[in-house]
Amino acid sequence: RVTTAIIGASSVAQLEANLQAVTGPDLTAEEVAAVERWAAPSGG
């Protein structure tokens, strides 16, 4: 449902590093579960 994520940037290097997020592999179910442990509760 998310079309795009809007980021800021204070430098070209920061921009380039953050854009590399889309080149990595999809999150696995195990990784999503690992994030869930430390994330805000859903809806919170």
All heavy atoms as atom14 arrays in JSON, in Angstrom:
{
  "sequence": "RVTTAIIGASSVAQLEANLQAVTGPDLTAEEVAAVERWAAPSGG",
  "atom14_mask": [
    [1, 1, 1, 1, 1, 1, 1, 1, 1, 1, 1, 0, 0, 0],
    [1, 1, 1, 1, 1, 1, 1, 0, 0, 0, 0, 0, 0, 0],
    [1, 1, 1, 1, 1, 1, 1, 0, 0, 0, 0, 0, 0, 0],
    [1, 1, 1, 1, 1, 1, 1, 0, 0, 0, 0, 0, 0, 0],
    [1, 1, 1, 1, 1, 0, 0, 0, 0, 0, 0, 0, 0, 0],
    [1, 1, 1, 1, 1, 1, 1, 1, 0, 0, 0, 0, 0, 0],
    [1, 1, 1, 1, 1, 1, 1, 1, 0, 0, 0, 0, 0, 0],
    [1, 1, 1, 1, 0, 0, 0, 0, 0, 0, 0, 0, 0, 0],
    [1, 1, 1, 1, 1, 0, 0, 0, 0, 0, 0, 0, 0, 0],
    [1, 1, 1, 1, 1, 1, 0, 0, 0, 0, 0, 0, 0, 0],
    [1, 1, 1, 1, 1, 1, 0, 0, 0, 0, 0, 0, 0, 0],
    [1, 1, 1, 1, 1, 1, 1, 0, 0, 0, 0, 0, 0, 0],
    [1, 1, 1, 1, 1, 0, 0, 0, 0, 0, 0, 0, 0, 0],
    [1, 1, 1, 1, 1, 1, 1, 1, 1, 0, 0, 0, 0, 0],
    [1, 1, 1, 1, 1, 1, 1, 1, 0, 0, 0, 0, 0, 0],
    [1, 1, 1, 1, 1, 1, 1, 1, 1, 0, 0, 0, 0, 0],
    [1, 1, 1, 1, 1, 0, 0, 0, 0, 0, 0, 0, 0, 0],
    [1, 1, 1, 1, 1, 1, 1, 1, 0, 0, 0, 0, 0, 0],
    [1, 1, 1, 1, 1, 1, 1, 1, 0, 0, 0, 0, 0, 0],
    [1, 1, 1, 1, 1, 1, 1, 1, 1, 0, 0, 0, 0, 0],
    [1, 1, 1, 1, 1, 0, 0, 0, 0, 0, 0, 0, 0, 0],
    [1, 1, 1, 1, 1, 1, 1, 0, 0, 0, 0, 0, 0, 0],
    [1, 1, 1, 1, 1, 1, 1, 0, 0, 0, 0, 0, 0, 0],
    [1, 1, 1, 1, 0, 0, 0, 0, 0, 0, 0, 0, 0, 0],
    [1, 1, 1, 1, 1, 1, 1, 0, 0, 0, 0, 0, 0, 0],
    [1, 1, 1, 1, 1, 1, 1, 1, 0, 0, 0, 0, 0, 0],
    [1, 1, 1, 1, 1, 1, 1, 1, 0, 0, 0, 0, 0, 0],
    [1, 1, 1, 1, 1, 1, 1, 0, 0, 0, 0, 0, 0, 0],
    [1, 1, 1, 1, 1, 0, 0, 0, 0, 0, 0, 0, 0, 0],
    [1, 1, 1, 1, 1, 1, 1, 1, 1, 0, 0, 0, 0, 0],
    [1, 1, 1, 1, 1, 1, 1, 1, 1, 0, 0, 0, 0, 0],
    [1, 1, 1, 1, 1, 1, 1, 0, 0, 0, 0, 0, 0, 0],
    [1, 1, 1, 1, 1, 0, 0, 0, 0, 0, 0, 0, 0, 0],
    [1, 1, 1, 1, 1, 0, 0, 0, 0, 0, 0, 0, 0, 0],
    [1, 1, 1, 1, 1, 1, 1, 0, 0, 0, 0, 0, 0, 0],
    [1, 1, 1, 1, 1, 1, 1, 1, 1, 0, 0, 0, 0, 0],
    [1, 1, 1, 1, 1, 1, 1, 1, 1, 1, 1, 0, 0, 0],
    [1, 1, 1, 1, 1, 1, 1, 1, 1, 1, 1, 1, 1, 1],
    [1, 1, 1, 1, 1, 0, 0, 0, 0, 0, 0, 0, 0, 0],
    [1, 1, 1, 1, 1, 0, 0, 0, 0, 0, 0, 0, 0, 0],
    [1, 1, 1, 1, 1, 1, 1, 0, 0, 0, 0, 0, 0, 0],
    [1, 1, 1, 1, 1, 1, 0, 0, 0, 0, 0, 0, 0, 0],
    [1, 1, 1, 1, 0, 0, 0, 0, 0, 0, 0, 0, 0, 0],
    [1, 1, 1, 1, 0, 0, 0, 0, 0, 0, 0, 0, 0, 0]
  ],
  "atom14_positions": [
    [[0.82, -1.21, 0.0], [0.0, 0.0, 0.0], [0.86, 1.27, 0.0], [0.37, 2.35, -0.31], [-0.93, 0.0, 1.22], [-1.98, -1.1, 1.2], [-2.7, -1.23, 2.53], [-1.79, -1.67, 3.59], [-2.18, -1.95, 4.83], [-3.46, -1.83, 5.17], [-1.3, -2.34, 5.74], [0.0, 0.0, 0.0], [0.0, 0.0, 0.0], [0.0, 0.0, 0.0]],
    [[2.13, 1.13, 0.36], [3.05, 2.27, 0.38], [3.65, 2.43, -1.01], [4.32, 1.54, -1.52], [4.16, 2.07, 1.43], [5.21, 3.18, 1.32], [3.56, 2.04, 2.84], [0.0, 0.0, 0.0], [0.0, 0.0, 0.0], [0.0, 0.0, 0.0], [0.0, 0.0, 0.0], [0.0, 0.0, 0.0], [0.0, 0.0, 0.0], [0.0, 0.0, 0.0]],
    [[3.41, 3.58, -1.62], [3.92, 3.85, -2.96], [5.36, 4.33, -2.92], [6.19, 3.91, -3.72], [3.06, 4.93, -3.65], [1.69, 4.55, -3.59], [3.48, 5.1, -5.11], [0.0, 0.0, 0.0], [0.0, 0.0, 0.0], [0.0, 0.0, 0.0], [0.0, 0.0, 0.0], [0.0, 0.0, 0.0], [0.0, 0.0, 0.0], [0.0, 0.0, 0.0]],
    [[5.67, 5.23, -1.98], [7.01, 5.81, -1.92], [7.3, 6.26, -0.5], [6.38, 6.58, 0.27], [7.14, 7.0, -2.9], [8.51, 7.42, -2.98], [6.28, 8.18, -2.48], [0.0, 0.0, 0.0], [0.0, 0.0, 0.0], [0.0, 0.0, 0.0], [0.0, 0.0, 0.0], [0.0, 0.0, 0.0], [0.0, 0.0, 0.0], [0.0, 0.0, 0.0]],
    [[8.58, 6.28, -0.16], [9.04, 6.8, 1.12], [9.82, 8.08, 0.85], [10.75, 8.08, 0.04], [9.93, 5.79, 1.84], [0.0, 0.0, 0.0], [0.0, 0.0, 0.0], [0.0, 0.0, 0.0], [0.0, 0.0, 0.0], [0.0, 0.0, 0.0], [0.0, 0.0, 0.0], [0.0, 0.0, 0.0], [0.0, 0.0, 0.0], [0.0, 0.0, 0.0]],
    [[9.43, 9.17, 1.51], [10.05, 10.47, 1.28], [11.17, 10.67, 2.3], [10.94, 10.63, 3.51], [9.03, 11.6, 1.41], [7.9, 11.4, 0.39], [9.68, 12.96, 1.21], [6.72, 12.33, 0.59], [0.0, 0.0, 0.0], [0.0, 0.0, 0.0], [0.0, 0.0, 0.0], [0.0, 0.0, 0.0], [0.0, 0.0, 0.0], [0.0, 0.0, 0.0]],
    [[12.38, 10.87, 1.8], [13.53, 11.1, 2.68], [14.08, 12.49, 2.47], [13.92, 13.09, 1.41], [14.64, 10.06, 2.44], [15.2, 10.18, 1.01], [14.13, 8.65, 2.71], [16.49, 9.4, 0.77], [0.0, 0.0, 0.0], [0.0, 0.0, 0.0], [0.0, 0.0, 0.0], [0.0, 0.0, 0.0], [0.0, 0.0, 0.0], [0.0, 0.0, 0.0]],
    [[14.75, 12.99, 3.47], [15.54, 14.2, 3.32], [16.98, 13.83, 3.07], [17.36, 12.65, 3.1], [0.0, 0.0, 0.0], [0.0, 0.0, 0.0], [0.0, 0.0, 0.0], [0.0, 0.0, 0.0], [0.0, 0.0, 0.0], [0.0, 0.0, 0.0], [0.0, 0.0, 0.0], [0.0, 0.0, 0.0], [0.0, 0.0, 0.0], [0.0, 0.0, 0.0]],
    [[17.8, 14.83, 2.84], [19.23, 14.58, 2.65], [19.98, 15.87, 2.95], [19.58, 16.94, 2.51], [19.52, 14.11, 1.24], [0.0, 0.0, 0.0], [0.0, 0.0, 0.0], [0.0, 0.0, 0.0], [0.0, 0.0, 0.0], [0.0, 0.0, 0.0], [0.0, 0.0, 0.0], [0.0, 0.0, 0.0], [0.0, 0.0, 0.0], [0.0, 0.0, 0.0]],
    [[21.07, 15.74, 3.69], [21.92, 16.89, 3.98], [23.2, 16.86, 3.16], [23.97, 17.82, 3.19], [22.28, 16.94, 5.47], [22.95, 15.76, 5.87], [0.0, 0.0, 0.0], [0.0, 0.0, 0.0], [0.0, 0.0, 0.0], [0.0, 0.0, 0.0], [0.0, 0.0, 0.0], [0.0, 0.0, 0.0], [0.0, 0.0, 0.0], [0.0, 0.0, 0.0]],
    [[23.41, 15.76, 2.43], [24.6, 15.65, 1.58], [24.33, 14.65, 0.47], [23.43, 13.81, 0.57], [25.81, 15.19, 2.4], [25.64, 13.84, 2.83], [0.0, 0.0, 0.0], [0.0, 0.0, 0.0], [0.0, 0.0, 0.0], [0.0, 0.0, 0.0], [0.0, 0.0, 0.0], [0.0, 0.0, 0.0], [0.0, 0.0, 0.0], [0.0, 0.0, 0.0]],
    [[25.14, 14.71, -0.57], [25.03, 13.74, -1.66], [25.35, 12.34, -1.15], [24.67, 11.36, -1.52], [25.97, 14.14, -2.82], [26.07, 13.01, -3.84], [25.47, 15.41, -3.5], [0.0, 0.0, 0.0], [0.0, 0.0, 0.0], [0.0, 0.0, 0.0], [0.0, 0.0, 0.0], [0.0, 0.0, 0.0], [0.0, 0.0, 0.0], [0.0, 0.0, 0.0]],
    [[26.34, 12.22, -0.29], [26.72, 10.91, 0.23], [25.58, 10.27, 1.0], [25.31, 9.06, 0.87], [27.96, 11.04, 1.11], [0.0, 0.0, 0.0], [0.0, 0.0, 0.0], [0.0, 0.0, 0.0], [0.0, 0.0, 0.0], [0.0, 0.0, 0.0], [0.0, 0.0, 0.0], [0.0, 0.0, 0.0], [0.0, 0.0, 0.0], [0.0, 0.0, 0.0]],
    [[24.89, 11.06, 1.83], [23.76, 10.53, 2.59], [22.64, 10.08, 1.65], [22.04, 9.02, 1.84], [23.25, 11.59, 3.55], [22.14, 11.12, 4.47], [21.6, 12.25, 5.32], [20.92, 13.14, 4.83], [21.92, 12.23, 6.6], [0.0, 0.0, 0.0], [0.0, 0.0, 0.0], [0.0, 0.0, 0.0], [0.0, 0.0, 0.0], [0.0, 0.0, 0.0]],
    [[22.36, 10.88, 0.64], [21.35, 10.52, -0.35], [21.7, 9.2, -1.02], [20.86, 8.28, -1.1], [21.25, 11.62, -1.39], [20.39, 11.3, -2.63], [18.92, 11.39, -2.29], [20.74, 12.23, -3.79], [0.0, 0.0, 0.0], [0.0, 0.0, 0.0], [0.0, 0.0, 0.0], [0.0, 0.0, 0.0], [0.0, 0.0, 0.0], [0.0, 0.0, 0.0]],
    [[22.92, 9.07, -1.5], [23.33, 7.85, -2.2], [23.23, 6.63, -1.31], [22.77, 5.56, -1.74], [24.75, 8.02, -2.71], [24.89, 9.03, -3.84], [26.33, 9.25, -4.27], [27.25, 8.96, -3.45], [26.55, 9.7, -5.4], [0.0, 0.0, 0.0], [0.0, 0.0, 0.0], [0.0, 0.0, 0.0], [0.0, 0.0, 0.0], [0.0, 0.0, 0.0]],
    [[23.64, 6.76, -0.06], [23.6, 5.63, 0.87], [22.17, 5.17, 1.11], [21.87, 3.97, 1.1], [24.27, 6.01, 2.18], [0.0, 0.0, 0.0], [0.0, 0.0, 0.0], [0.0, 0.0, 0.0], [0.0, 0.0, 0.0], [0.0, 0.0, 0.0], [0.0, 0.0, 0.0], [0.0, 0.0, 0.0], [0.0, 0.0, 0.0], [0.0, 0.0, 0.0]],
    [[21.26, 6.11, 1.32], [19.87, 5.74, 1.62], [19.16, 5.17, 0.4], [18.29, 4.29, 0.54], [19.12, 6.94, 2.18], [19.55, 7.28, 3.59], [20.15, 6.46, 4.29], [19.27, 8.49, 4.03], [0.0, 0.0, 0.0], [0.0, 0.0, 0.0], [0.0, 0.0, 0.0], [0.0, 0.0, 0.0], [0.0, 0.0, 0.0], [0.0, 0.0, 0.0]],
    [[19.51, 5.63, -0.79], [18.88, 5.08, -1.99], [19.26, 3.63, -2.23], [18.56, 2.9, -2.92], [19.25, 5.93, -3.21], [18.6, 7.31, -3.3], [19.11, 8.06, -4.52], [17.09, 7.2, -3.35], [0.0, 0.0, 0.0], [0.0, 0.0, 0.0], [0.0, 0.0, 0.0], [0.0, 0.0, 0.0], [0.0, 0.0, 0.0], [0.0, 0.0, 0.0]],
    [[20.36, 3.2, -1.62], [20.77, 1.8, -1.77], [19.84, 0.84, -1.04], [19.93, -0.38, -1.21], [22.2, 1.62, -1.26], [23.25, 2.29, -2.14], [24.65, 2.19, -1.56], [24.92, 1.38, -0.67], [25.55, 3.02, -2.06], [0.0, 0.0, 0.0], [0.0, 0.0, 0.0], [0.0, 0.0, 0.0], [0.0, 0.0, 0.0], [0.0, 0.0, 0.0]],
    [[18.92, 1.39, -0.25], [17.96, 0.54, 0.46], [17.15, -0.32, -0.5], [16.77, -1.45, -0.18], [17.02, 1.39, 1.3], [0.0, 0.0, 0.0], [0.0, 0.0, 0.0], [0.0, 0.0, 0.0], [0.0, 0.0, 0.0], [0.0, 0.0, 0.0], [0.0, 0.0, 0.0], [0.0, 0.0, 0.0], [0.0, 0.0, 0.0], [0.0, 0.0, 0.0]],
    [[16.87, 0.21, -1.7], [16.01, -0.53, -2.62], [16.76, -1.6, -3.4], [16.15, -2.39, -4.11], [15.31, 0.43, -3.61], [14.42, 1.41, -2.86], [16.31, 1.18, -4.47], [0.0, 0.0, 0.0], [0.0, 0.0, 0.0], [0.0, 0.0, 0.0], [0.0, 0.0, 0.0], [0.0, 0.0, 0.0], [0.0, 0.0, 0.0], [0.0, 0.0, 0.0]],
    [[18.09, -1.63, -3.28], [18.86, -2.63, -4.02], [19.05, -3.92, -3.24], [19.46, -4.93, -3.8], [20.24, -2.07, -4.41], [21.0, -1.81, -3.21], [20.1, -0.78, -5.2], [0.0, 0.0, 0.0], [0.0, 0.0, 0.0], [0.0, 0.0, 0.0], [0.0, 0.0, 0.0], [0.0, 0.0, 0.0], [0.0, 0.0, 0.0], [0.0, 0.0, 0.0]],
    [[18.76, -3.91, -1.96], [18.93, -5.11, -1.15], [17.79, -6.09, -1.35], [16.78, -5.79, -1.97], [0.0, 0.0, 0.0], [0.0, 0.0, 0.0], [0.0, 0.0, 0.0], [0.0, 0.0, 0.0], [0.0, 0.0, 0.0], [0.0, 0.0, 0.0], [0.0, 0.0, 0.0], [0.0, 0.0, 0.0], [0.0, 0.0, 0.0], [0.0, 0.0, 0.0]],
    [[17.94, -7.29, -0.78], [16.89, -8.3, -0.9], [15.66, -7.94, -0.09], [15.72, -7.13, 0.84], [17.56, -9.56, -0.34], [18.59, -9.03, 0.63], [19.09, -7.76, 0.02], [0.0, 0.0, 0.0], [0.0, 0.0, 0.0], [0.0, 0.0, 0.0], [0.0, 0.0, 0.0], [0.0, 0.0, 0.0], [0.0, 0.0, 0.0], [0.0, 0.0, 0.0]],
    [[14.52, -8.52, -0.46], [13.31, -8.33, 0.32], [13.53, -8.85, 1.74], [14.34, -9.76, 1.98], [12.14, -9.09, -0.32], [11.69, -8.47, -1.63], [11.96, -7.27, -1.84], [11.08, -9.19, -2.43], [0.0, 0.0, 0.0], [0.0, 0.0, 0.0], [0.0, 0.0, 0.0], [0.0, 0.0, 0.0], [0.0, 0.0, 0.0], [0.0, 0.0, 0.0]],
    [[12.8, -8.29, 2.67], [12.87, -8.78, 4.04], [12.25, -10.17, 4.14], [11.17, -10.42, 3.6], [12.12, -7.83, 4.97], [12.75, -6.46, 5.22], [11.75, -5.52, 5.86], [13.99, -6.57, 6.07], [0.0, 0.0, 0.0], [0.0, 0.0, 0.0], [0.0, 0.0, 0.0], [0.0, 0.0, 0.0], [0.0, 0.0, 0.0], [0.0, 0.0, 0.0]],
    [[12.94, -11.05, 4.82], [12.39, -12.38, 5.05], [11.4, -12.33, 6.22], [11.36, -11.35, 6.99], [13.51, -13.37, 5.39], [14.1, -13.0, 6.66], [14.59, -13.38, 4.31], [0.0, 0.0, 0.0], [0.0, 0.0, 0.0], [0.0, 0.0, 0.0], [0.0, 0.0, 0.0], [0.0, 0.0, 0.0], [0.0, 0.0, 0.0], [0.0, 0.0, 0.0]],
    [[10.63, -13.39, 6.37], [9.69, -13.45, 7.49], [10.43, -13.39, 8.82], [9.96, -12.77, 9.79], [8.87, -14.73, 7.4], [0.0, 0.0, 0.0], [0.0, 0.0, 0.0], [0.0, 0.0, 0.0], [0.0, 0.0, 0.0], [0.0, 0.0, 0.0], [0.0, 0.0, 0.0], [0.0, 0.0, 0.0], [0.0, 0.0, 0.0], [0.0, 0.0, 0.0]],
    [[11.61, -14.0, 8.87], [12.4, -13.99, 10.1], [12.9, -12.58, 10.41], [12.92, -12.16, 11.57], [13.59, -14.96, 9.97], [13.21, -16.43, 9.93], [12.65, -16.86, 8.56], [12.81, -16.08, 7.58], [12.04, -17.95, 8.5], [0.0, 0.0, 0.0], [0.0, 0.0, 0.0], [0.0, 0.0, 0.0], [0.0, 0.0, 0.0], [0.0, 0.0, 0.0]],
    [[13.29, -11.84, 9.37], [13.77, -10.48, 9.59], [12.64, -9.55, 10.0], [12.83, -8.67, 10.86], [14.46, -9.97, 8.32], [15.81, -10.65, 8.06], [16.34, -10.39, 6.67], [15.54, -10.06, 5.77], [17.56, -10.54, 6.48], [0.0, 0.0, 0.0], [0.0, 0.0, 0.0], [0.0, 0.0, 0.0], [0.0, 0.0, 0.0], [0.0, 0.0, 0.0]],
    [[11.47, -9.72, 9.42], [10.31, -8.93, 9.82], [9.99, -9.19, 11.29], [9.69, -8.26, 12.06], [9.1, -9.24, 8.92], [7.84, -8.58, 9.48], [9.35, -8.77, 7.5], [0.0, 0.0, 0.0], [0.0, 0.0, 0.0], [0.0, 0.0, 0.0], [0.0, 0.0, 0.0], [0.0, 0.0, 0.0], [0.0, 0.0, 0.0], [0.0, 0.0, 0.0]],
    [[10.08, -10.44, 11.69], [9.81, -10.79, 13.09], [10.87, -10.18, 14.01], [10.55, -9.73, 15.12], [9.79, -12.31, 13.25], [0.0, 0.0, 0.0], [0.0, 0.0, 0.0], [0.0, 0.0, 0.0], [0.0, 0.0, 0.0], [0.0, 0.0, 0.0], [0.0, 0.0, 0.0], [0.0, 0.0, 0.0], [0.0, 0.0, 0.0], [0.0, 0.0, 0.0]],
    [[12.12, -10.14, 13.55], [13.18, -9.54, 14.36], [12.96, -8.05, 14.52], [13.15, -7.49, 15.62], [14.53, -9.81, 13.71], [0.0, 0.0, 0.0], [0.0, 0.0, 0.0], [0.0, 0.0, 0.0], [0.0, 0.0, 0.0], [0.0, 0.0, 0.0], [0.0, 0.0, 0.0], [0.0, 0.0, 0.0], [0.0, 0.0, 0.0], [0.0, 0.0, 0.0]],
    [[12.52, -7.38, 13.46], [12.21, -5.95, 13.55], [11.05, -5.72, 14.5], [11.04, -4.78, 15.31], [11.89, -5.37, 12.15], [11.32, -3.96, 12.27], [13.13, -5.38, 11.26], [0.0, 0.0, 0.0], [0.0, 0.0, 0.0], [0.0, 0.0, 0.0], [0.0, 0.0, 0.0], [0.0, 0.0, 0.0], [0.0, 0.0, 0.0], [0.0, 0.0, 0.0]],
    [[10.06, -6.59, 14.44], [8.86, -6.46, 15.26], [9.19, -6.43, 16.75], [8.51, -5.76, 17.54], [7.9, -7.61, 14.95], [6.51, -7.46, 15.52], [5.67, -6.44, 14.76], [5.92, -6.22, 13.57], [4.78, -5.85, 15.39], [0.0, 0.0, 0.0], [0.0, 0.0, 0.0], [0.0, 0.0, 0.0], [0.0, 0.0, 0.0], [0.0, 0.0, 0.0]],
    [[10.23, -7.13, 17.15], [10.61, -7.17, 18.57], [10.96, -5.79, 19.1], [10.75, -5.49, 20.27], [11.82, -8.09, 18.77], [11.55, -9.57, 18.65], [12.81, -10.34, 19.03], [13.23, -10.04, 20.41], [14.44, -10.28, 20.89], [15.38, -10.8, 20.1], [14.74, -10.0, 22.14], [0.0, 0.0, 0.0], [0.0, 0.0, 0.0], [0.0, 0.0, 0.0]],
    [[11.49, -4.94, 18.23], [12.01, -3.64, 18.67], [11.2, -2.46, 18.14], [11.49, -1.31, 18.47], [13.48, -3.51, 18.23], [14.28, -4.69, 18.68], [14.77, -5.7, 17.9], [14.67, -5.0, 20.01], [15.44, -6.62, 18.66], [15.39, -6.22, 19.97], [14.48, -4.37, 21.25], [15.93, -6.8, 21.11], [15.02, -4.96, 22.39], [15.73, -6.15, 22.31]],
    [[10.2, -2.74, 17.37], [9.38, -1.69, 16.77], [8.28, -1.23, 17.72], [7.99, -1.88, 18.73], [8.76, -2.2, 15.47], [0.0, 0.0, 0.0], [0.0, 0.0, 0.0], [0.0, 0.0, 0.0], [0.0, 0.0, 0.0], [0.0, 0.0, 0.0], [0.0, 0.0, 0.0], [0.0, 0.0, 0.0], [0.0, 0.0, 0.0], [0.0, 0.0, 0.0]],
    [[7.66, -0.12, 17.38], [6.43, 0.28, 18.06], [5.37, -0.79, 17.81], [5.42, -1.49, 16.78], [5.95, 1.62, 17.54], [0.0, 0.0, 0.0], [0.0, 0.0, 0.0], [0.0, 0.0, 0.0], [0.0, 0.0, 0.0], [0.0, 0.0, 0.0], [0.0, 0.0, 0.0], [0.0, 0.0, 0.0], [0.0, 0.0, 0.0], [0.0, 0.0, 0.0]],
    [[4.41, -0.93, 18.68], [3.33, -1.88, 18.42], [2.53, -1.43, 17.2], [2.43, -0.23, 16.92], [2.48, -1.83, 19.69], [2.79, -0.51, 20.31], [4.21, -0.22, 19.97], [0.0, 0.0, 0.0], [0.0, 0.0, 0.0], [0.0, 0.0, 0.0], [0.0, 0.0, 0.0], [0.0, 0.0, 0.0], [0.0, 0.0, 0.0], [0.0, 0.0, 0.0]],
    [[1.97, -2.37, 16.46], [1.18, -2.01, 15.29], [0.07, -1.05, 15.69], [-0.69, -1.31, 16.63], [0.59, -3.26, 14.65], [-0.13, -2.92, 13.48], [0.0, 0.0, 0.0], [0.0, 0.0, 0.0], [0.0, 0.0, 0.0], [0.0, 0.0, 0.0], [0.0, 0.0, 0.0], [0.0, 0.0, 0.0], [0.0, 0.0, 0.0], [0.0, 0.0, 0.0]],
    [[-0.02, 0.07, 14.97], [-1.01, 1.08, 15.27], [-0.58, 2.07, 16.33], [-1.32, 3.01, 16.64], [0.0, 0.0, 0.0], [0.0, 0.0, 0.0], [0.0, 0.0, 0.0], [0.0, 0.0, 0.0], [0.0, 0.0, 0.0], [0.0, 0.0, 0.0], [0.0, 0.0, 0.0], [0.0, 0.0, 0.0], [0.0, 0.0, 0.0], [0.0, 0.0, 0.0]],
    [[0.63, 1.88, 16.87], [1.09, 2.74, 17.97], [2.36, 3.51, 17.61], [2.93, 3.4, 16.55], [0.0, 0.0, 0.0], [0.0, 0.0, 0.0], [0.0, 0.0, 0.0], [0.0, 0.0, 0.0], [0.0, 0.0, 0.0], [0.0, 0.0, 0.0], [0.0, 0.0, 0.0], [0.0, 0.0, 0.0], [0.0, 0.0, 0.0], [0.0, 0.0, 0.0]]
  ]
}
